[in-house]
């Protein structure tokens, strides 16, 4: 092994940008997945709240035996 050859290979390893694009794509994909998961969590919470409200209204209507008069108005 020639003197100084080890430092050159370490220098090349540090300044090598060969895997930078793949790393950036993985980082971007990770950010997109986290954002999509947060968005889906919000959508599911909104749907869950709406379904619970609908179930409560249906339960009330079935218990009383009648629906509000304006339920079928356009």
Protein backbone atom coordinates (compact mmCIF):
# COMPACT_ATOMS: atom_id res chain seq x y z
CA UNK A 1 0.00 0.00 0.00
CA UNK A 2 1.38 3.36 -0.97
CA UNK A 3 1.60 6.08 1.68
CA UNK A 4 -1.31 8.53 1.57
CA UNK A 5 -3.59 6.17 -0.34
CA UNK A 6 -5.83 5.53 2.71
CA UNK A 7 -6.56 9.23 3.16
CA UNK A 8 -7.51 9.62 -0.49
CA UNK A 9 -10.04 6.80 -0.31
CA UNK A 10 -11.57 8.27 2.86
CA UNK A 11 -11.72 11.67 1.17
CA UNK A 12 -13.43 10.12 -1.85
CA UNK A 13 -15.91 8.34 0.41
CA UNK A 14 -16.80 11.56 2.24
CA UNK A 15 -17.25 13.66 -0.91
CA UNK A 16 -18.94 10.95 -2.99
CA UNK A 17 -22.48 12.00 -3.96
CA UNK A 18 -23.44 8.75 -5.70
CA UNK A 19 -26.26 7.82 -3.30
CA UNK A 20 -27.54 11.34 -2.68
CA UNK A 21 -30.46 11.10 -5.11
CA UNK A 22 -31.68 7.85 -3.59
CA UNK A 23 -31.41 9.31 -0.10
CA UNK A 24 -33.39 12.38 -1.16
CA UNK A 25 -36.10 10.22 -2.76
CA UNK A 26 -36.38 8.09 0.38
CA UNK A 27 -36.62 11.22 2.55
CA UNK A 28 -39.27 12.73 0.27
CA UNK A 29 -41.23 9.48 0.25
CA UNK A 30 -41.07 9.30 4.05
CA UNK A 31 -42.37 12.85 4.37
CA UNK A 32 -45.22 12.09 1.95
CA UNK A 33 -46.18 8.94 3.86
CA UNK A 34 -46.23 10.80 7.18
CA UNK A 35 -48.32 13.62 5.64
CA UNK A 36 -50.77 11.17 4.09
CA UNK A 37 -51.14 9.33 7.40
CA UNK A 38 -51.89 12.60 9.21
CA UNK A 39 -54.43 13.56 6.55
CA UNK A 40 -56.12 10.17 6.73
CA UNK A 41 -56.26 10.40 10.52
CA UNK A 42 -58.11 13.73 10.22
CA UNK A 43 -60.50 12.39 7.59
CA UNK A 44 -61.26 9.27 9.63
CA UNK A 45 -61.94 11.37 12.74
CA UNK A 46 -64.36 13.58 10.77
CA UNK A 47 -66.17 10.55 9.31
CA UNK A 48 -66.30 8.91 12.74
CA UNK A 49 -67.82 12.03 14.28
CA UNK A 50 -70.43 12.23 11.50
CA UNK A 51 -71.36 8.57 11.86
CA UNK A 52 -71.75 8.95 15.62
CA UNK A 53 -74.01 11.99 15.12
CA UNK A 54 -76.08 10.09 12.55
CA UNK A 55 -76.36 7.09 14.89
CA UNK A 56 -77.45 9.32 17.75
CA UNK A 57 -80.11 10.98 15.61
CA UNK A 58 -81.39 7.63 14.33
CA UNK A 59 -81.51 6.27 17.87
CA UNK A 60 -83.51 9.31 19.01
CA UNK A 61 -85.91 9.00 16.07
CA UNK A 62 -86.44 5.29 16.65
CA UNK A 63 -86.96 5.80 20.38
CA UNK A 64 -89.58 8.53 19.90
CA UNK A 65 -91.17 6.93 16.84
CA UNK A 66 -91.11 10.09 14.75
CA UNK A 67 -88.66 12.13 12.75
CA UNK A 68 -88.48 15.92 12.69
CA UNK A 69 -90.91 17.51 10.21
CA UNK A 70 -88.22 19.34 8.25
CA UNK A 71 -86.10 16.25 7.66
CA UNK A 72 -87.25 15.77 4.05
CA UNK A 73 -87.29 19.46 3.03
CA UNK A 74 -85.08 20.53 0.15
